[in-house]
Protein backbone atom coordinates (compact mmCIF):
# COMPACT_ATOMS: atom_id res chain seq x y z
CA MET A 1 -0.06 0.02 -0.02
CA PRO A 2 1.33 3.54 -0.69
CA PRO A 3 1.92 5.40 2.54
CA ASP A 4 -1.02 7.40 4.19
CA PRO A 5 -0.49 11.40 3.97
CA PRO A 6 0.91 12.92 7.10
CA PRO A 7 -1.88 14.38 9.52
CA ALA A 8 -3.14 17.65 8.46
CA GLU A 9 -3.04 19.39 11.91
CA THR A 10 -6.63 20.52 12.63
CA PRO A 11 -6.49 24.19 14.24
CA ASP A 12 -8.51 24.39 17.46
CA VAL A 13 -11.67 26.63 16.95
CA GLN A 14 -11.95 28.84 19.82
CA MET A 15 -15.32 29.14 21.83
CA GLU A 16 -13.58 31.77 23.79
CA PRO A 17 -10.01 32.65 24.56
CA GLY A 18 -8.39 29.43 25.82
CA LEU A 19 -11.45 27.08 25.19
CA SER A 20 -11.53 25.05 22.07
CA VAL A 21 -14.75 23.75 20.59
CA GLY A 22 -13.57 20.10 21.24
CA GLN A 23 -12.60 20.81 24.89
CA TRP A 24 -15.89 22.69 25.61
CA LEU A 25 -17.71 19.77 23.95
CA PHE A 26 -16.07 17.46 26.11
CA GLU A 27 -16.80 19.45 29.28
CA HIS A 28 -20.35 19.89 28.29
CA LEU A 29 -20.97 16.20 27.90
CA ASN A 30 -19.01 15.23 31.01
CA GLU A 31 -21.14 17.57 33.01
CA HIS A 32 -24.59 16.65 31.59
CA TYR A 33 -24.20 12.92 30.44
CA VAL A 34 -22.65 9.79 31.93
CA ILE A 35 -19.26 9.08 30.48
CA GLU A 36 -18.54 5.35 30.12
CA ARG A 37 -15.63 4.41 32.49
CA GLU A 38 -16.15 0.75 32.98
CA PRO A 39 -13.03 -1.15 32.17
CA TRP A 40 -14.51 -3.38 29.63
CA ALA A 41 -15.20 -0.53 27.34
CA THR A 42 -12.31 1.99 28.15
CA ASP A 43 -9.74 -0.84 28.03
CA ARG A 44 -10.82 -1.74 24.55
CA ALA A 45 -10.94 1.80 23.33
CA ALA A 46 -7.46 2.54 24.81
CA ARG A 47 -6.12 -0.59 23.24
CA VAL A 48 -7.56 0.30 19.91
CA LEU A 49 -6.40 3.74 19.90
CA ALA A 50 -2.72 2.90 20.75
CA ARG A 51 -2.80 0.41 17.99
CA LEU A 52 -3.95 2.79 15.52
CA ASP A 53 -1.82 5.66 16.75
CA ALA A 54 1.25 3.35 16.36
CA VAL A 55 0.86 3.51 12.54
CA ARG A 56 -0.18 7.18 12.24
CA PRO A 57 2.66 9.69 11.34
CA ALA A 58 3.52 12.02 14.26
CA GLY A 59 0.87 14.53 15.09
CA ARG A 60 -1.95 15.21 17.48
CA ARG A 61 -2.95 12.23 19.32
CA LEU A 62 -6.49 11.90 19.98
CA SER A 63 -8.67 10.56 22.77
CA VAL A 64 -11.83 8.42 22.77
CA VAL A 65 -14.73 9.57 25.01
CA ILE A 66 -17.74 7.32 25.26
CA PRO A 67 -20.90 9.32 26.52
CA TRP A 68 -24.03 7.70 27.18
CA LEU A 69 -25.94 9.23 24.29
CA ARG A 70 -29.23 7.72 22.94
CA ALA A 71 -28.14 8.48 19.38
CA VAL A 72 -26.11 5.67 17.66
CA THR A 73 -23.40 7.98 16.39
CA ALA A 74 -19.72 8.82 16.45
CA PHE A 75 -18.27 12.21 15.66
CA THR A 76 -15.21 14.52 16.28
CA ALA A 77 -14.53 18.40 16.42
CA PRO A 78 -11.55 20.54 16.40
CA GLY A 79 -9.48 19.43 19.40
CA PRO A 80 -8.18 16.24 20.89
CA TYR A 81 -11.45 14.21 21.24
CA ILE A 82 -13.35 11.55 19.35
CA PHE A 83 -16.82 10.95 20.71
CA PHE A 84 -18.16 7.35 20.28
CA SER A 85 -21.70 7.08 21.81
CA ARG A 86 -22.26 4.36 24.26
CA SER A 87 -25.25 3.17 22.10
CA LEU A 88 -23.00 2.61 19.04
CA TYR A 89 -20.21 1.25 21.11
CA GLN A 90 -22.18 -1.42 22.45
CA LEU A 91 -23.26 -2.63 19.08
CA CYS A 92 -19.53 -3.28 18.14
CA PRO A 93 -18.51 -6.65 19.45
CA ASP A 94 -14.80 -6.54 19.09
CA ASP A 95 -11.76 -4.57 18.39
CA GLU A 96 -11.98 -4.66 14.59
CA THR A 97 -15.39 -3.10 14.37
CA SER A 98 -14.42 -0.50 17.16
CA ALA A 99 -11.24 0.26 15.25
CA PHE A 100 -13.05 1.11 12.00
CA VAL A 101 -15.32 3.63 13.90
CA ILE A 102 -12.45 5.13 15.68
CA ALA A 103 -10.19 5.33 12.56
CA HIS A 104 -12.87 6.85 10.55
CA GLU A 105 -13.14 9.79 12.96
CA MET A 106 -9.21 9.91 13.13
CA ALA A 107 -9.34 10.30 9.21
CA HIS A 108 -11.32 13.53 9.41
CA HIS A 109 -8.35 14.97 11.43
CA ASP A 110 -5.73 13.29 9.27
CA LEU A 111 -7.19 14.53 5.93
CA GLY A 112 -7.63 17.99 6.98
CA HIS A 113 -11.51 17.86 6.76
CA LEU A 114 -12.03 19.92 10.06
CA ARG A 115 -10.39 22.81 8.48
CA THR A 116 -13.84 23.45 7.05
CA PHE A 117 -15.28 23.76 10.47
CA PRO A 118 -17.20 27.17 11.01
CA PRO A 119 -16.09 29.16 13.92
CA TRP A 120 -19.79 30.10 14.47
CA LEU A 121 -20.61 26.43 15.11
CA GLY A 122 -19.41 26.06 18.51
CA ARG A 123 -21.19 29.25 19.54
CA LEU A 124 -24.50 27.95 18.02
CA ALA A 125 -24.16 24.69 19.79
CA ARG A 126 -23.61 26.38 23.09
CA ALA A 127 -26.65 28.69 22.49
CA ARG A 128 -29.02 25.64 22.06
CA GLY A 129 -28.88 24.23 25.52
CA VAL A 130 -28.10 21.06 27.32
CA ASP A 131 -29.77 18.42 25.04
CA LEU A 132 -28.83 19.62 21.52
CA PRO A 133 -25.15 20.45 20.95
CA PHE A 134 -24.19 17.09 19.54
CA LEU A 135 -27.19 17.08 17.31
CA VAL A 136 -26.08 20.54 15.99
CA PHE A 137 -22.66 19.07 15.30
CA ARG A 138 -23.85 16.10 13.43
CA ALA A 139 -26.48 18.06 11.26
CA VAL A 140 -23.64 20.51 10.02
CA GLU A 141 -21.24 17.86 9.89
CA ARG A 142 -23.47 16.38 7.06
CA ARG A 143 -23.20 19.53 5.07
CA LEU A 144 -19.43 20.03 5.83
CA TYR A 145 -18.22 16.67 4.66
CA GLY A 146 -20.60 15.29 2.02
CA PRO A 147 -20.35 11.83 0.56
CA GLU A 148 -17.01 12.52 -1.20
CA MET A 149 -15.04 13.22 2.16
CA GLU A 150 -16.90 10.55 4.00
CA CYS A 151 -15.69 8.12 1.36
CA GLN A 152 -12.11 9.37 1.83
CA ALA A 153 -12.44 8.89 5.54
CA ASP A 154 -13.83 5.29 5.04
CA GLU A 155 -10.84 4.44 2.76
CA HIS A 156 -8.25 6.11 5.23
CA ALA A 157 -9.86 4.36 8.12
CA LEU A 158 -9.56 0.94 6.51
CA SER A 159 -5.88 1.68 5.33
CA LEU A 160 -5.05 2.61 9.14
CA CYS A 161 -6.68 -0.56 10.27
CA LEU A 162 -4.80 -2.82 7.76
CA ARG A 163 -1.56 -0.94 8.75
CA ALA A 164 -2.27 -1.69 12.42
CA GLY A 165 -2.66 -5.33 11.54
CA TYR A 166 -6.33 -5.78 11.79
CA ASP A 167 -8.25 -8.14 9.64
CA GLY A 168 -9.96 -5.79 7.17
CA ARG A 169 -12.91 -8.21 6.48
CA ARG A 170 -13.74 -8.39 10.30
CA CYS A 171 -13.42 -4.22 10.27
CA LEU A 172 -15.98 -4.34 7.54
CA ARG A 173 -18.39 -6.37 9.65
CA PHE A 174 -19.19 -2.96 11.18
CA PHE A 175 -21.38 -2.18 8.16
CA GLY A 176 -23.47 -5.43 8.79
CA ILE A 177 -24.16 -4.30 12.19
CA LEU A 178 -25.07 -0.70 11.03
CA GLU A 179 -27.31 -2.20 8.35
CA ASN A 180 -29.11 -4.38 10.94
CA TYR A 181 -29.62 -1.53 13.19
CA LEU A 182 -31.08 0.94 10.65
CA LEU A 183 -33.37 -1.84 9.33
CA ASN A 184 -34.62 -2.51 12.66
CA MET A 185 -35.33 1.35 13.03
CA LYS A 186 -37.21 1.08 9.73
CA ASP A 187 -34.67 3.32 7.94
CA GLU A 188 -34.37 1.30 4.76
CA ALA A 189 -33.44 4.32 2.75
CA ALA A 190 -30.06 4.81 4.71
CA VAL A 191 -29.18 1.18 3.77
CA VAL A 192 -30.16 0.95 -0.05
CA GLY A 193 -30.31 4.69 -0.88
CA PRO A 194 -32.63 6.20 -3.54
CA ASP A 195 -31.43 3.78 -6.25
CA PRO A 196 -31.09 0.19 -4.79
CA ASP A 197 -29.72 -1.08 -8.11
CA SER A 198 -26.83 1.48 -8.46
CA ASP A 199 -23.52 1.49 -6.66
CA GLU A 200 -21.99 4.25 -8.96
CA GLU A 201 -23.47 7.38 -7.31
CA LEU A 202 -19.92 9.03 -7.23
CA SER A 203 -18.83 7.97 -10.60
CA PRO A 204 -18.44 10.76 -13.10
CA ASP A 205 -20.10 8.71 -15.83
CA ALA A 206 -23.09 8.12 -13.66
CA PRO A 207 -26.40 8.97 -15.61
CA PHE A 208 -27.71 12.64 -14.70
CA MET A 209 -30.93 11.30 -12.92
CA THR A 210 -28.87 9.05 -10.71
CA LYS A 211 -26.71 12.14 -9.78
CA ALA A 212 -29.60 14.12 -9.09
CA ARG A 213 -31.36 11.51 -6.84
CA ILE A 214 -28.13 10.90 -4.85
CA TRP A 215 -27.53 14.85 -4.56
CA ALA A 216 -31.04 15.22 -3.12
CA TRP A 217 -30.70 12.06 -0.86
CA GLN A 218 -27.31 13.20 0.71
CA ARG A 219 -28.79 16.48 1.73
CA ALA A 220 -30.70 14.44 4.35
CA TYR A 221 -28.10 11.72 5.04
CA GLY A 222 -24.65 13.11 4.26
CA TYR A 223 -23.35 9.62 3.57
CA LEU A 224 -23.57 7.18 0.78
CA PRO A 225 -26.13 4.26 1.53
CA VAL A 226 -24.61 1.78 3.97
CA ARG A 227 -24.44 -1.03 1.33
CA ASP A 228 -22.77 1.24 -1.28
CA ARG A 229 -20.19 2.39 1.34
CA ARG A 230 -19.28 -1.33 2.27
CA GLN A 231 -19.18 -2.46 -1.40
CA ARG A 232 -16.63 0.42 -2.15
CA LEU A 233 -14.62 -0.72 0.75
CA GLU A 234 -14.64 -4.25 -0.25
CA HIS A 235 -13.31 -3.22 -3.75
CA TYR A 236 -10.59 -1.10 -1.96
CA LEU A 237 -9.65 -4.09 0.18
CA TYR A 238 -9.42 -6.19 -2.88
CA ARG A 239 -7.21 -3.77 -4.63
CA VAL A 240 -4.89 -3.22 -1.84
CA SER A 241 -4.63 -6.99 -0.90
CA THR A 242 -3.96 -8.02 -4.61
CA ALA A 243 -1.23 -5.09 -4.77
CA ASP A 244 0.37 -6.50 -1.93
CA GLY A 245 0.26 -10.04 -3.54
CA VAL A 246 -2.18 -11.32 -0.94
CA ARG A 247 -5.50 -12.37 -2.46
CA PRO A 248 -8.37 -11.83 0.24
CA ASN A 249 -10.52 -15.04 0.98
């Protein structure tokens, strides 16, 4: 595999002098929500984080925080924290699936995606009260990144996992878990998207109507459908595996 790009240092967006958005968000969640501190959870997160950090170029090191949020989500912000909701964390049964989620959030830092983070967002989140800040972050994140950046983060995450010695196929089981959760929540659209027969939504050669449908769809979701994300990563895994002379099973 070609080397990953060096981390693009993400500037701390300041809520006020001396208080970054990430630090404020951590303090807010720590004050108003339970932060998971049971060893079974924190030990796994620390173990995965150390293994992924060992294959990242030198740069800002991140910490994983596991707040007891009902939303099944993970997100990050300018500053040193990755927020991995307890609701999502408990769905990940092993190091590999947890590693993919953590590596995806690392990727937003490494690839410089957070440089687009608007300074006013932290102030908006602060003004919305106790229960809404992380929802504000997630809603705006969809507009900031879009499917192209999310696909970049997916590939970078899988690359980090492979470099750390994780089994790529076991990492991709995360998408099966996510699909089952979304189908149980009756959110079939998040799984198959507006065009179940197409997996070429980002292709420059895709038909105009396909592009129009996916453009409208991603205004609401911000990601490609789960099955398309997984298929893209399975293709990526096959390419890098065969390039290294190892044909995946």
